Amino acid sequence: MTSRRPHGQSYADPAPAPASPSAPADSDVTPAVPAPVIYKLLAFTAAMVFGPIGMYFLTVESIFKGNPIFSGITAAVTANVVLFAYIYVAWKEDQGDRLEEEAKRKGKKAE
């Protein structure tokens, strides 16, 4: 039977203490994802949950007079509209970020 532990060392032995740094290093504590992006994601998530369900129940009795097939199709179309809207918003946001980076790079080159 093979083992991955080094010879002469047991798993029960305590691990060596990490070396303490001589000076505390500055750490970056900013969030990885900006808050507006999270808010947008939450808004589109709510729209994806409540939009199609609401559309189904809104149209099943009022517009389609009890026909669940057409109401289901309406709900599916609503889900696709929300999905494409999210993709479009994310694409435009990414495009804006790229334009800002290019403007920064051109500004640095001009100096």
N, C-alpha and C. Protein backbone atom coordinates (compact mmCIF):
# COMPACT_ATOMS: atom_id res chain seq x y z
N MET A 1 0.84 -1.17 0.00
CA MET A 1 0.00 0.00 0.00
C MET A 1 0.89 1.24 0.00
N THR A 2 0.61 2.16 -0.88
CA THR A 2 1.43 3.36 -0.97
C THR A 2 0.82 4.48 -0.17
N SER A 3 1.67 5.42 0.17
CA SER A 3 1.23 6.56 0.97
C SER A 3 1.84 7.82 0.39
N ARG A 4 1.17 8.94 0.53
CA ARG A 4 1.66 10.20 0.01
C ARG A 4 2.42 11.00 1.06
N ARG A 5 2.43 10.57 2.29
CA ARG A 5 3.14 11.34 3.31
C ARG A 5 4.64 11.09 3.21
N PRO A 6 5.44 12.07 3.55
CA PRO A 6 6.90 11.90 3.51
C PRO A 6 7.35 10.87 4.55
N HIS A 7 8.45 10.24 4.28
CA HIS A 7 8.98 9.24 5.20
C HIS A 7 9.36 9.90 6.52
N GLY A 8 9.02 9.25 7.60
CA GLY A 8 9.40 9.74 8.92
C GLY A 8 8.49 10.83 9.45
N GLN A 9 7.40 11.13 8.76
CA GLN A 9 6.49 12.18 9.22
C GLN A 9 5.09 11.60 9.30
N SER A 10 4.39 11.93 10.35
CA SER A 10 3.03 11.45 10.55
C SER A 10 2.05 12.59 10.26
N TYR A 11 0.83 12.22 9.90
CA TYR A 11 -0.20 13.23 9.71
C TYR A 11 -0.57 13.90 11.03
N ALA A 12 -0.28 13.27 12.13
CA ALA A 12 -0.60 13.83 13.43
C ALA A 12 0.39 14.90 13.86
N ASP A 13 1.55 14.98 13.21
CA ASP A 13 2.53 16.01 13.56
C ASP A 13 1.97 17.38 13.23
N PRO A 14 2.24 18.36 14.09
CA PRO A 14 1.72 19.70 13.80
C PRO A 14 2.45 20.31 12.59
N ALA A 15 1.73 21.13 11.87
CA ALA A 15 2.31 21.79 10.71
C ALA A 15 3.22 22.91 11.18
N PRO A 16 4.27 23.18 10.44
CA PRO A 16 5.15 24.28 10.84
C PRO A 16 4.41 25.61 10.73
N ALA A 17 4.72 26.52 11.64
CA ALA A 17 4.07 27.83 11.64
C ALA A 17 4.56 28.63 10.45
N PRO A 18 3.69 29.36 9.80
CA PRO A 18 4.12 30.17 8.66
C PRO A 18 5.03 31.30 9.14
N ALA A 19 5.95 31.67 8.29
CA ALA A 19 6.86 32.75 8.64
C ALA A 19 6.10 34.06 8.68
N SER A 20 6.28 34.82 9.75
CA SER A 20 5.57 36.09 9.87
C SER A 20 6.30 37.15 9.06
N PRO A 21 5.56 37.97 8.34
CA PRO A 21 6.22 39.00 7.53
C PRO A 21 6.82 40.07 8.45
N SER A 22 7.91 40.65 8.00
CA SER A 22 8.57 41.67 8.82
C SER A 22 7.74 42.94 8.87
N ALA A 23 7.07 43.29 7.79
CA ALA A 23 6.22 44.48 7.76
C ALA A 23 4.87 44.09 7.17
N PRO A 24 3.81 44.59 7.75
CA PRO A 24 2.49 44.23 7.19
C PRO A 24 2.34 44.81 5.79
N ALA A 25 1.89 43.97 4.90
CA ALA A 25 1.71 44.39 3.50
C ALA A 25 0.33 44.99 3.32
N ASP A 26 0.23 45.95 2.43
CA ASP A 26 -1.07 46.53 2.12
C ASP A 26 -1.88 45.51 1.33
N SER A 27 -3.12 45.34 1.71
CA SER A 27 -3.95 44.39 0.99
C SER A 27 -5.10 45.12 0.33
N ASP A 28 -5.51 44.60 -0.79
CA ASP A 28 -6.60 45.18 -1.55
C ASP A 28 -7.90 44.57 -1.05
N VAL A 29 -8.76 45.38 -0.44
CA VAL A 29 -10.00 44.87 0.12
C VAL A 29 -11.21 45.31 -0.70
N THR A 30 -10.99 45.83 -1.90
CA THR A 30 -12.12 46.21 -2.74
C THR A 30 -12.80 44.96 -3.25
N PRO A 31 -14.11 45.00 -3.42
CA PRO A 31 -14.81 43.80 -3.90
C PRO A 31 -14.40 43.47 -5.34
N ALA A 32 -14.44 42.20 -5.65
CA ALA A 32 -14.05 41.75 -6.99
C ALA A 32 -15.04 42.21 -8.05
N VAL A 33 -16.31 42.32 -7.66
CA VAL A 33 -17.35 42.74 -8.60
C VAL A 33 -17.97 44.03 -8.04
N PRO A 34 -18.06 45.07 -8.85
CA PRO A 34 -18.65 46.33 -8.37
C PRO A 34 -20.12 46.16 -7.99
N ALA A 35 -20.58 46.97 -7.06
CA ALA A 35 -21.95 46.89 -6.57
C ALA A 35 -23.00 47.10 -7.67
N PRO A 36 -22.84 48.06 -8.59
CA PRO A 36 -23.86 48.21 -9.64
C PRO A 36 -24.07 46.96 -10.48
N VAL A 37 -23.01 46.20 -10.69
CA VAL A 37 -23.13 44.95 -11.47
C VAL A 37 -23.98 43.95 -10.69
N ILE A 38 -23.77 43.86 -9.39
CA ILE A 38 -24.56 42.95 -8.56
C ILE A 38 -26.03 43.38 -8.55
N TYR A 39 -26.28 44.69 -8.44
CA TYR A 39 -27.66 45.18 -8.43
C TYR A 39 -28.36 44.87 -9.75
N LYS A 40 -27.63 45.04 -10.87
CA LYS A 40 -28.20 44.71 -12.17
C LYS A 40 -28.53 43.23 -12.28
N LEU A 41 -27.62 42.40 -11.79
CA LEU A 41 -27.85 40.97 -11.82
C LEU A 41 -29.07 40.58 -10.98
N LEU A 42 -29.20 41.18 -9.81
CA LEU A 42 -30.36 40.90 -8.96
C LEU A 42 -31.66 41.36 -9.61
N ALA A 43 -31.63 42.53 -10.26
CA ALA A 43 -32.83 43.03 -10.94
C ALA A 43 -33.24 42.10 -12.08
N PHE A 44 -32.28 41.66 -12.88
CA PHE A 44 -32.62 40.77 -13.98
C PHE A 44 -33.03 39.39 -13.48
N THR A 45 -32.47 38.96 -12.35
CA THR A 45 -32.90 37.69 -11.77
C THR A 45 -34.35 37.76 -11.32
N ALA A 46 -34.72 38.87 -10.66
CA ALA A 46 -36.11 39.05 -10.25
C ALA A 46 -37.03 39.11 -11.47
N ALA A 47 -36.58 39.81 -12.51
CA ALA A 47 -37.39 39.89 -13.74
C ALA A 47 -37.55 38.52 -14.38
N MET A 48 -36.50 37.70 -14.32
CA MET A 48 -36.57 36.36 -14.91
C MET A 48 -37.49 35.45 -14.12
N VAL A 49 -37.58 35.67 -12.81
CA VAL A 49 -38.46 34.83 -11.98
C VAL A 49 -39.91 35.30 -12.07
N PHE A 50 -40.11 36.59 -11.83
CA PHE A 50 -41.48 37.09 -11.71
C PHE A 50 -42.12 37.49 -13.04
N GLY A 51 -41.31 37.84 -14.04
CA GLY A 51 -41.87 38.26 -15.32
C GLY A 51 -42.66 37.17 -16.02
N PRO A 52 -42.05 36.02 -16.31
CA PRO A 52 -42.80 34.97 -17.00
C PRO A 52 -43.96 34.41 -16.19
N ILE A 53 -43.77 34.24 -14.88
CA ILE A 53 -44.86 33.71 -14.05
C ILE A 53 -46.02 34.70 -14.01
N GLY A 54 -45.69 35.96 -13.82
CA GLY A 54 -46.73 36.99 -13.82
C GLY A 54 -47.44 37.10 -15.15
N MET A 55 -46.68 37.00 -16.23
CA MET A 55 -47.27 37.09 -17.56
C MET A 55 -48.20 35.91 -17.83
N TYR A 56 -47.81 34.73 -17.36
CA TYR A 56 -48.66 33.55 -17.54
C TYR A 56 -50.01 33.76 -16.85
N PHE A 57 -49.96 34.11 -15.57
CA PHE A 57 -51.21 34.25 -14.83
C PHE A 57 -52.01 35.47 -15.26
N LEU A 58 -51.34 36.48 -15.78
CA LEU A 58 -52.04 37.66 -16.27
C LEU A 58 -52.81 37.34 -17.55
N THR A 59 -52.20 36.52 -18.41
CA THR A 59 -52.81 36.27 -19.71
C THR A 59 -53.71 35.04 -19.76
N VAL A 60 -53.58 34.11 -18.82
CA VAL A 60 -54.33 32.86 -18.92
C VAL A 60 -55.85 33.10 -18.84
N GLU A 61 -56.29 33.99 -18.01
CA GLU A 61 -57.73 34.23 -17.90
C GLU A 61 -58.18 35.50 -18.62
N SER A 62 -57.35 36.54 -18.63
CA SER A 62 -57.80 37.81 -19.17
C SER A 62 -57.72 37.89 -20.70
N ILE A 63 -56.66 37.39 -21.27
CA ILE A 63 -56.48 37.53 -22.72
C ILE A 63 -56.85 36.25 -23.46
N PHE A 64 -56.36 35.10 -22.98
CA PHE A 64 -56.56 33.85 -23.71
C PHE A 64 -57.73 33.02 -23.19
N LYS A 65 -58.50 33.51 -22.30
CA LYS A 65 -59.74 32.89 -21.81
C LYS A 65 -59.56 31.44 -21.38
N GLY A 66 -58.53 31.19 -20.54
CA GLY A 66 -58.33 29.87 -19.98
C GLY A 66 -57.46 28.93 -20.80
N ASN A 67 -56.89 29.38 -21.89
CA ASN A 67 -56.03 28.53 -22.71
C ASN A 67 -54.59 28.61 -22.18
N PRO A 68 -54.13 27.55 -21.51
CA PRO A 68 -52.79 27.61 -20.91
C PRO A 68 -51.65 27.50 -21.92
N ILE A 69 -51.93 27.00 -23.12
CA ILE A 69 -50.87 26.84 -24.12
C ILE A 69 -50.37 28.20 -24.59
N PHE A 70 -51.29 29.08 -24.96
CA PHE A 70 -50.89 30.41 -25.41
C PHE A 70 -50.29 31.22 -24.28
N SER A 71 -50.79 31.02 -23.07
CA SER A 71 -50.22 31.72 -21.91
C SER A 71 -48.80 31.22 -21.64
N GLY A 72 -48.57 29.94 -21.82
CA GLY A 72 -47.22 29.39 -21.65
C GLY A 72 -46.26 29.93 -22.70
N ILE A 73 -46.77 30.06 -23.92
CA ILE A 73 -45.94 30.64 -24.99
C ILE A 73 -45.59 32.08 -24.66
N THR A 74 -46.57 32.81 -24.13
CA THR A 74 -46.32 34.20 -23.73
C THR A 74 -45.28 34.26 -22.62
N ALA A 75 -45.35 33.35 -21.68
CA ALA A 75 -44.36 33.31 -20.59
C ALA A 75 -42.97 32.98 -21.13
N ALA A 76 -42.89 32.07 -22.09
CA ALA A 76 -41.59 31.72 -22.67
C ALA A 76 -41.01 32.90 -23.45
N VAL A 77 -41.85 33.61 -24.17
CA VAL A 77 -41.39 34.79 -24.91
C VAL A 77 -40.90 35.85 -23.93
N THR A 78 -41.61 36.02 -22.82
CA THR A 78 -41.19 36.98 -21.80
C THR A 78 -39.84 36.61 -21.21
N ALA A 79 -39.62 35.34 -20.94
CA ALA A 79 -38.32 34.89 -20.41
C ALA A 79 -37.21 35.17 -21.42
N ASN A 80 -37.48 34.94 -22.69
CA ASN A 80 -36.47 35.22 -23.71
C ASN A 80 -36.19 36.72 -23.85
N VAL A 81 -37.21 37.54 -23.72
CA VAL A 81 -37.02 38.99 -23.78
C VAL A 81 -36.13 39.45 -22.62
N VAL A 82 -36.38 38.93 -21.42
CA VAL A 82 -35.56 39.29 -20.27
C VAL A 82 -34.12 38.83 -20.49
N LEU A 83 -33.94 37.63 -20.99
CA LEU A 83 -32.60 37.10 -21.24
C LEU A 83 -31.85 37.95 -22.25
N PHE A 84 -32.48 38.28 -23.37
CA PHE A 84 -31.82 39.10 -24.39
C PHE A 84 -31.56 40.51 -23.88
N ALA A 85 -32.45 41.04 -23.05
CA ALA A 85 -32.21 42.36 -22.46
C ALA A 85 -30.98 42.33 -21.56
N TYR A 86 -30.82 41.28 -20.79
CA TYR A 86 -29.64 41.16 -19.92
C TYR A 86 -28.37 41.06 -20.77
N ILE A 87 -28.40 40.27 -21.80
CA ILE A 87 -27.23 40.14 -22.67
C ILE A 87 -26.88 41.47 -23.31
N TYR A 88 -27.89 42.21 -23.76
CA TYR A 88 -27.66 43.51 -24.39
C TYR A 88 -27.05 44.50 -23.40
N VAL A 89 -27.60 44.55 -22.18
CA VAL A 89 -27.08 45.47 -21.16
C VAL A 89 -25.65 45.11 -20.81
N ALA A 90 -25.35 43.82 -20.65
CA ALA A 90 -23.99 43.40 -20.33
C ALA A 90 -23.04 43.72 -21.48
N TRP A 91 -23.49 43.55 -22.70
CA TRP A 91 -22.66 43.85 -23.86
C TRP A 91 -22.34 45.34 -23.94
N LYS A 92 -23.35 46.18 -23.72
CA LYS A 92 -23.14 47.62 -23.76
C LYS A 92 -22.21 48.07 -22.63
N GLU A 93 -22.36 47.47 -21.46
CA GLU A 93 -21.51 47.81 -20.32
C GLU A 93 -20.06 47.42 -20.62
N ASP A 94 -19.86 46.25 -21.19
CA ASP A 94 -18.51 45.81 -21.53
C ASP A 94 -17.92 46.68 -22.62
N GLN A 95 -18.73 47.09 -23.56
CA GLN A 95 -18.26 47.95 -24.63
C GLN A 95 -17.84 49.31 -24.07
N GLY A 96 -18.58 49.82 -23.11
CA GLY A 96 -18.22 51.09 -22.47
C GLY A 96 -16.92 50.99 -21.70
N ASP A 97 -16.71 49.86 -21.03
CA ASP A 97 -15.46 49.65 -20.29
C ASP A 97 -14.27 49.60 -21.26
N ARG A 98 -14.46 48.95 -22.39
CA ARG A 98 -13.38 48.87 -23.38
C ARG A 98 -13.04 50.24 -23.95
N LEU A 99 -14.06 51.06 -24.21
CA LEU A 99 -13.81 52.40 -24.74
C LEU A 99 -13.06 53.25 -23.72
N GLU A 100 -13.41 53.11 -22.44
CA GLU A 100 -12.70 53.85 -21.39
C GLU A 100 -11.23 53.44 -21.33
N GLU A 101 -10.96 52.15 -21.43
CA GLU A 101 -9.57 51.67 -21.41
C GLU A 101 -8.80 52.19 -22.60
N GLU A 102 -9.41 52.19 -23.77
CA GLU A 102 -8.73 52.70 -24.96
C GLU A 102 -8.45 54.18 -24.83
N ALA A 103 -9.38 54.92 -24.26
CA ALA A 103 -9.17 56.37 -24.05
C ALA A 103 -8.02 56.60 -23.07
N LYS A 104 -7.92 55.78 -22.03
CA LYS A 104 -6.82 55.91 -21.09
C LYS A 104 -5.48 55.63 -21.77
N ARG A 105 -5.47 54.57 -22.60
CA ARG A 105 -4.23 54.22 -23.28
C ARG A 105 -3.81 55.31 -24.27
N LYS A 106 -4.78 55.88 -24.97
CA LYS A 106 -4.46 56.97 -25.92
C LYS A 106 -3.97 58.20 -25.16
N GLY A 107 -4.55 58.45 -23.99
CA GLY A 107 -4.11 59.59 -23.19
C GLY A 107 -2.68 59.41 -22.70
N LYS A 108 -2.30 58.19 -22.36
CA LYS A 108 -0.94 57.92 -21.90
C LYS A 108 0.05 58.01 -23.06
N LYS A 109 -0.37 57.59 -24.24
CA LYS A 109 0.51 57.65 -25.41
C LYS A 109 0.75 59.11 -25.81
N ALA A 110 -0.25 59.95 -25.64
CA ALA A 110 -0.12 61.36 -26.04
C ALA A 110 0.85 62.10 -25.12
N GLU A 111 1.02 61.62 -23.90
CA GLU A 111 1.92 62.31 -22.97
C GLU A 111 3.33 62.07 -23.25
